[in-house]
């Protein structure tokens, strides 16, 4: 009886360790995607047949609904440009020039990797919806407080939340040098 109990305990411990290692590997895949570019990171295998099982699991958990990499490149940020975790308690300015793509958008995701549930209907900004101060350049704000324009609501996003930059039909330079292509900065303005 003691031998059976020891075997069962060993199986339970091995199963728990296996599950924990898979959860850690998939979570790591969501946060560390391979190619860094400022606060943004990407993995060119997302949406491709050459994606490994952990990348596929991370995409499934993250809910990216990834298109083929020939159509879209996804960059994700979990930190601002200074490396600090994105948190609902702070206001961030996303600033830059239009990325090299036919069309692009930036969307906020809550800690659970789903759209933020807050009723504000301000989950993203896009190339075609931004108000501009000068052609080709933009400023958008991620904050829990309502803004008159270019607002992504982080109310109820929790901490950490993430931002996903989607580049639809990106230029050739984005594919050849995804770590060097000019992307927007994410600057912390203030915290509550």
C-alpha atoms as a PDB file:
ATOM      1  CA  UNK A   1       0.000   0.000   0.000  1.00  0.00           C
ATOM      2  CA  UNK A   2       2.861   2.392   0.826  1.00  0.00           C
ATOM      3  CA  UNK A   3       4.481   1.622  -2.513  1.00  0.00           C
ATOM      4  CA  UNK A   4       1.251   2.420  -4.384  1.00  0.00           C
ATOM      5  CA  UNK A   5       0.859   5.683  -2.444  1.00  0.00           C
ATOM      6  CA  UNK A   6       4.460   6.639  -3.281  1.00  0.00           C
ATOM      7  CA  UNK A   7       3.917   5.872  -6.991  1.00  0.00           C
ATOM      8  CA  UNK A   8       0.676   7.903  -7.033  1.00  0.00           C
ATOM      9  CA  UNK A   9       2.380  10.819  -5.264  1.00  0.00           C
ATOM     10  CA  UNK A  10       5.211  10.661  -7.809  1.00  0.00           C
ATOM     11  CA  UNK A  11       2.731  10.726 -10.699  1.00  0.00           C
ATOM     12  CA  UNK A  12       0.917  13.717  -9.185  1.00  0.00           C
ATOM     13  CA  UNK A  13       4.171  15.638  -8.662  1.00  0.00           C
ATOM     14  CA  UNK A  14       5.364  14.837 -12.204  1.00  0.00           C
ATOM     15  CA  UNK A  15       2.017  15.921 -13.660  1.00  0.00           C
ATOM     16  CA  UNK A  16       2.039  19.163 -11.673  1.00  0.00           C
ATOM     17  CA  UNK A  17       5.595  19.931 -12.822  1.00  0.00           C
ATOM     18  CA  UNK A  18       4.700  19.187 -16.447  1.00  0.00           C
ATOM     19  CA  UNK A  19       1.649  21.455 -16.350  1.00  0.00           C
ATOM     20  CA  UNK A  20       3.619  24.228 -14.622  1.00  0.00           C
ATOM     21  CA  UNK A  21       6.408  24.028 -17.214  1.00  0.00           C
ATOM     22  CA  UNK A  22       3.927  24.246 -20.114  1.00  0.00           C
ATOM     23  CA  UNK A  23       2.141  27.225 -18.522  1.00  0.00           C
ATOM     24  CA  UNK A  24       5.495  28.948 -17.962  1.00  0.00           C
ATOM     25  CA  UNK A  25       6.691  28.232 -21.521  1.00  0.00           C
ATOM     26  CA  UNK A  26       3.476  29.505 -23.083  1.00  0.00           C
ATOM     27  CA  UNK A  27       3.443  32.587 -20.846  1.00  0.00           C
ATOM     28  CA  UNK A  28       7.060  33.250 -21.781  1.00  0.00           C
ATOM     29  CA  UNK A  29       6.058  32.957 -25.434  1.00  0.00           C
ATOM     30  CA  UNK A  30       3.474  35.710 -24.973  1.00  0.00           C
ATOM     31  CA  UNK A  31       5.950  38.084 -23.365  1.00  0.00           C
ATOM     32  CA  UNK A  32       9.190  37.259 -25.131  1.00  0.00           C
ATOM     33  CA  UNK A  33       8.493  36.962 -28.813  1.00  0.00           C
ATOM     34  CA  UNK A  34      11.993  36.842 -30.211  1.00  0.00           C
ATOM     35  CA  UNK A  35      12.730  40.142 -31.992  1.00  0.00           C
ATOM     36  CA  UNK A  36      12.762  43.323 -29.916  1.00  0.00           C
ATOM     37  CA  UNK A  37      12.252  46.835 -31.237  1.00  0.00           C
ATOM     38  CA  UNK A  38      12.097  49.332 -28.375  1.00  0.00           C
ATOM     39  CA  UNK A  39       9.182  48.293 -26.144  1.00  0.00           C
ATOM     40  CA  UNK A  40       7.716  46.198 -28.970  1.00  0.00           C
ATOM     41  CA  UNK A  41       8.545  42.576 -29.737  1.00  0.00           C
ATOM     42  CA  UNK A  42       7.542  40.270 -32.563  1.00  0.00           C
ATOM     43  CA  UNK A  43       7.949  36.728 -33.753  1.00  0.00           C
ATOM     44  CA  UNK A  44       7.855  36.254 -37.504  1.00  0.00           C
ATOM     45  CA  UNK A  45       6.637  32.667 -37.121  1.00  0.00           C
ATOM     46  CA  UNK A  46       3.266  33.868 -35.726  1.00  0.00           C
ATOM     47  CA  UNK A  47       0.679  33.016 -38.351  1.00  0.00           C
ATOM     48  CA  UNK A  48       3.115  30.788 -40.226  1.00  0.00           C
ATOM     49  CA  UNK A  49       3.349  27.056 -40.774  1.00  0.00           C
ATOM     50  CA  UNK A  50       6.796  27.070 -39.121  1.00  0.00           C
ATOM     51  CA  UNK A  51       5.421  28.217 -35.732  1.00  0.00           C
ATOM     52  CA  UNK A  52       6.321  25.803 -32.957  1.00  0.00           C
ATOM     53  CA  UNK A  53       3.833  24.338 -30.519  1.00  0.00           C
ATOM     54  CA  UNK A  54       4.553  26.918 -27.810  1.00  0.00           C
ATOM     55  CA  UNK A  55       4.164  29.797 -30.264  1.00  0.00           C
ATOM     56  CA  UNK A  56       0.864  28.332 -31.457  1.00  0.00           C
ATOM     57  CA  UNK A  57      -0.286  27.897 -27.855  1.00  0.00           C
ATOM     58  CA  UNK A  58       0.718  31.483 -27.025  1.00  0.00           C
ATOM     59  CA  UNK A  59      -1.230  32.755 -30.050  1.00  0.00           C
ATOM     60  CA  UNK A  60      -4.264  30.694 -29.018  1.00  0.00           C
ATOM     61  CA  UNK A  61      -4.136  31.965 -25.424  1.00  0.00           C
ATOM     62  CA  UNK A  62      -3.398  35.528 -26.520  1.00  0.00           C
ATOM     63  CA  UNK A  63      -6.326  35.436 -28.913  1.00  0.00           C
ATOM     64  CA  UNK A  64      -4.442  37.117 -31.733  1.00  0.00           C
ATOM     65  CA  UNK A  65      -6.431  35.363 -34.475  1.00  0.00           C
ATOM     66  CA  UNK A  66      -3.179  35.585 -36.359  1.00  0.00           C
ATOM     67  CA  UNK A  67      -3.234  36.074 -40.105  1.00  0.00           C
ATOM     68  CA  UNK A  68      -0.465  34.640 -42.259  1.00  0.00           C
ATOM     69  CA  UNK A  69       2.825  36.446 -41.762  1.00  0.00           C
ATOM     70  CA  UNK A  70       2.761  37.435 -45.440  1.00  0.00           C
ATOM     71  CA  UNK A  71      -0.305  39.566 -44.619  1.00  0.00           C
ATOM     72  CA  UNK A  72       0.322  40.922 -41.130  1.00  0.00           C
ATOM     73  CA  UNK A  73       3.141  41.363 -38.640  1.00  0.00           C
ATOM     74  CA  UNK A  74       2.205  41.672 -34.974  1.00  0.00           C
ATOM     75  CA  UNK A  75       4.260  43.605 -32.432  1.00  0.00           C
ATOM     76  CA  UNK A  76       3.325  43.435 -28.741  1.00  0.00           C
ATOM     77  CA  UNK A  77       4.404  45.676 -25.859  1.00  0.00           C
ATOM     78  CA  UNK A  78       4.102  44.792 -22.170  1.00  0.00           C
ATOM     79  CA  UNK A  79       6.315  47.726 -21.115  1.00  0.00           C
ATOM     80  CA  UNK A  80       6.794  51.373 -21.965  1.00  0.00           C
ATOM     81  CA  UNK A  81       9.914  52.637 -23.748  1.00  0.00           C
ATOM     82  CA  UNK A  82      11.752  52.837 -20.385  1.00  0.00           C
ATOM     83  CA  UNK A  83      11.075  49.161 -19.665  1.00  0.00           C
ATOM     84  CA  UNK A  84       8.423  49.739 -16.984  1.00  0.00           C
ATOM     85  CA  UNK A  85       5.377  47.436 -16.963  1.00  0.00           C
ATOM     86  CA  UNK A  86       2.236  48.924 -18.515  1.00  0.00           C
ATOM     87  CA  UNK A  87      -0.287  49.560 -15.751  1.00  0.00           C
ATOM     88  CA  UNK A  88      -3.805  50.943 -15.578  1.00  0.00           C
ATOM     89  CA  UNK A  89      -2.669  53.498 -12.977  1.00  0.00           C
ATOM     90  CA  UNK A  90      -0.595  55.436 -15.517  1.00  0.00           C
ATOM     91  CA  UNK A  91      -1.172  57.537 -18.617  1.00  0.00           C
ATOM     92  CA  UNK A  92       0.959  56.771 -21.674  1.00  0.00           C
ATOM     93  CA  UNK A  93       1.619  58.673 -24.882  1.00  0.00           C
ATOM     94  CA  UNK A  94       2.184  56.568 -27.989  1.00  0.00           C
ATOM     95  CA  UNK A  95       3.984  58.775 -30.499  1.00  0.00           C
ATOM     96  CA  UNK A  96       5.512  58.201 -33.864  1.00  0.00           C
ATOM     97  CA  UNK A  97       5.177  58.277 -37.578  1.00  0.00           C
ATOM     98  CA  UNK A  98       2.993  55.986 -39.630  1.00  0.00           C
ATOM     99  CA  UNK A  99       4.650  52.556 -39.774  1.00  0.00           C
ATOM    100  CA  UNK A 100       5.592  51.164 -43.181  1.00  0.00           C
ATOM    101  CA  UNK A 101       2.367  49.270 -43.890  1.00  0.00           C
ATOM    102  CA  UNK A 102      -0.712  49.556 -46.062  1.00  0.00           C
ATOM    103  CA  UNK A 103      -2.787  49.895 -42.866  1.00  0.00           C
ATOM    104  CA  UNK A 104      -2.059  49.587 -39.134  1.00  0.00           C
ATOM    105  CA  UNK A 105      -3.743  49.615 -35.730  1.00  0.00           C
ATOM    106  CA  UNK A 106      -2.836  49.563 -32.020  1.00  0.00           C
ATOM    107  CA  UNK A 107      -5.122  47.645 -29.644  1.00  0.00           C
ATOM    108  CA  UNK A 108      -5.115  47.255 -25.860  1.00  0.00           C
ATOM    109  CA  UNK A 109      -5.546  43.873 -24.170  1.00  0.00           C
ATOM    110  CA  UNK A 110      -6.224  43.315 -20.477  1.00  0.00           C
ATOM    111  CA  UNK A 111      -4.190  41.066 -18.240  1.00  0.00           C
ATOM    112  CA  UNK A 112      -6.314  38.086 -19.370  1.00  0.00           C
ATOM    113  CA  UNK A 113      -5.354  38.781 -23.051  1.00  0.00           C
ATOM    114  CA  UNK A 114      -8.900  39.796 -23.998  1.00  0.00           C
ATOM    115  CA  UNK A 115     -10.153  43.255 -24.915  1.00  0.00           C
ATOM    116  CA  UNK A 116     -10.563  45.435 -21.840  1.00  0.00           C
ATOM    117  CA  UNK A 117     -14.097  45.180 -20.450  1.00  0.00           C
ATOM    118  CA  UNK A 118     -15.089  48.710 -19.510  1.00  0.00           C
ATOM    119  CA  UNK A 119     -17.882  49.871 -21.809  1.00  0.00           C
ATOM    120  CA  UNK A 120     -15.784  52.744 -23.186  1.00  0.00           C
ATOM    121  CA  UNK A 121     -15.603  51.266 -26.728  1.00  0.00           C
ATOM    122  CA  UNK A 122     -12.068  52.693 -27.041  1.00  0.00           C
ATOM    123  CA  UNK A 123      -9.941  49.586 -27.512  1.00  0.00           C
ATOM    124  CA  UNK A 124      -7.805  50.821 -30.380  1.00  0.00           C
ATOM    125  CA  UNK A 125      -6.610  53.539 -32.674  1.00  0.00           C
ATOM    126  CA  UNK A 126      -5.847  53.032 -36.331  1.00  0.00           C
ATOM    127  CA  UNK A 127      -4.202  54.757 -39.229  1.00  0.00           C
ATOM    128  CA  UNK A 128      -7.601  55.800 -40.575  1.00  0.00           C
ATOM    129  CA  UNK A 129      -9.164  56.956 -37.270  1.00  0.00           C
ATOM    130  CA  UNK A 130      -6.455  59.125 -35.705  1.00  0.00           C
ATOM    131  CA  UNK A 131      -6.688  62.888 -35.573  1.00  0.00           C
ATOM    132  CA  UNK A 132      -3.359  64.273 -36.805  1.00  0.00           C
ATOM    133  CA  UNK A 133      -1.421  67.346 -35.809  1.00  0.00           C
ATOM    134  CA  UNK A 134       0.854  66.951 -38.849  1.00  0.00           C
ATOM    135  CA  UNK A 135       0.801  64.571 -41.811  1.00  0.00           C
ATOM    136  CA  UNK A 136       2.266  61.123 -41.215  1.00  0.00           C
ATOM    137  CA  UNK A 137       2.773  61.618 -37.451  1.00  0.00           C
ATOM    138  CA  UNK A 138       0.513  60.799 -34.534  1.00  0.00           C
ATOM    139  CA  UNK A 139       0.079  60.936 -30.771  1.00  0.00           C
ATOM    140  CA  UNK A 140      -2.364  58.621 -29.006  1.00  0.00           C
ATOM    141  CA  UNK A 141      -3.063  58.299 -25.300  1.00  0.00           C
ATOM    142  CA  UNK A 142      -3.566  55.159 -23.224  1.00  0.00           C
ATOM    143  CA  UNK A 143      -5.258  56.194 -20.004  1.00  0.00           C
ATOM    144  CA  UNK A 144      -8.268  55.363 -17.825  1.00  0.00           C
ATOM    145  CA  UNK A 145      -9.450  58.996 -18.097  1.00  0.00           C
ATOM    146  CA  UNK A 146     -11.517  59.966 -21.129  1.00  0.00           C
ATOM    147  CA  UNK A 147      -9.684  61.996 -23.762  1.00  0.00           C
ATOM    148  CA  UNK A 148     -11.214  64.078 -26.552  1.00  0.00           C
ATOM    149  CA  UNK A 149      -9.281  62.306 -29.326  1.00  0.00           C
ATOM    150  CA  UNK A 150      -6.863  59.461 -30.028  1.00  0.00           C
ATOM    151  CA  UNK A 151      -7.807  57.699 -26.793  1.00  0.00           C
ATOM    152  CA  UNK A 152      -7.294  54.040 -25.891  1.00  0.00           C
ATOM    153  CA  UNK A 153      -9.061  53.358 -22.595  1.00  0.00           C
ATOM    154  CA  UNK A 154      -7.083  51.399 -20.006  1.00  0.00           C
ATOM    155  CA  UNK A 155      -9.869  51.583 -17.391  1.00  0.00           C
ATOM    156  CA  UNK A 156     -10.226  48.079 -15.878  1.00  0.00           C
ATOM    157  CA  UNK A 157      -7.224  46.793 -17.893  1.00  0.00           C
ATOM    158  CA  UNK A 158      -5.398  45.671 -14.771  1.00  0.00           C
ATOM    159  CA  UNK A 159      -1.673  45.275 -14.615  1.00  0.00           C
ATOM    160  CA  UNK A 160       0.132  44.331 -16.674  1.00  0.00           C
ATOM    161  CA  UNK A 161      -1.837  45.032 -19.810  1.00  0.00           C
ATOM    162  CA  UNK A 162      -0.445  44.852 -23.315  1.00  0.00           C
ATOM    163  CA  UNK A 163      -0.625  46.772 -26.570  1.00  0.00           C
ATOM    164  CA  UNK A 164      -0.571  45.051 -29.954  1.00  0.00           C
ATOM    165  CA  UNK A 165       0.549  46.911 -33.075  1.00  0.00           C
ATOM    166  CA  UNK A 166      -0.690  45.214 -36.235  1.00  0.00           C
ATOM    167  CA  UNK A 167       0.989  46.038 -39.537  1.00  0.00           C
ATOM    168  CA  UNK A 168      -1.201  44.894 -42.429  1.00  0.00           C
ATOM    169  CA  UNK A 169       0.693  44.325 -45.676  1.00  0.00           C
ATOM    170  CA  UNK A 170       3.916  45.768 -44.267  1.00  0.00           C
ATOM    171  CA  UNK A 171       6.732  47.037 -46.461  1.00  0.00           C
ATOM    172  CA  UNK A 172       9.643  44.781 -47.387  1.00  0.00           C
ATOM    173  CA  UNK A 173      11.951  46.550 -44.888  1.00  0.00           C
ATOM    174  CA  UNK A 174       9.705  45.445 -42.021  1.00  0.00           C
ATOM    175  CA  UNK A 175      10.194  41.799 -43.027  1.00  0.00           C
ATOM    176  CA  UNK A 176      13.940  42.083 -43.558  1.00  0.00           C
ATOM    177  CA  UNK A 177      14.687  44.191 -40.456  1.00  0.00           C
ATOM    178  CA  UNK A 178      11.768  43.911 -37.984  1.00  0.00           C
ATOM    179  CA  UNK A 179      14.028  44.946 -35.099  1.00  0.00           C
ATOM    180  CA  UNK A 180      15.084  48.166 -36.835  1.00  0.00           C
ATOM    181  CA  UNK A 181      11.916  49.394 -38.512  1.00  0.00           C
ATOM    182  CA  UNK A 182      10.738  52.730 -37.015  1.00  0.00           C
ATOM    183  CA  UNK A 183       7.933  52.033 -34.521  1.00  0.00           C
ATOM    184  CA  UNK A 184       6.106  54.366 -32.119  1.00  0.00           C
ATOM    185  CA  UNK A 185       7.451  55.099 -28.658  1.00  0.00           C
ATOM    186  CA  UNK A 186       5.415  54.504 -25.497  1.00  0.00           C
ATOM    187  CA  UNK A 187       6.157  57.209 -22.912  1.00  0.00           C
ATOM    188  CA  UNK A 188       4.792  57.315 -19.395  1.00  0.00           C
ATOM    189  CA  UNK A 189       3.227  60.744 -18.843  1.00  0.00           C
ATOM    190  CA  UNK A 190       2.058  60.412 -15.224  1.00  0.00           C
ATOM    191  CA  UNK A 191       0.669  57.923 -12.710  1.00  0.00           C
ATOM    192  CA  UNK A 192      -2.105  58.202 -10.145  1.00  0.00           C
END
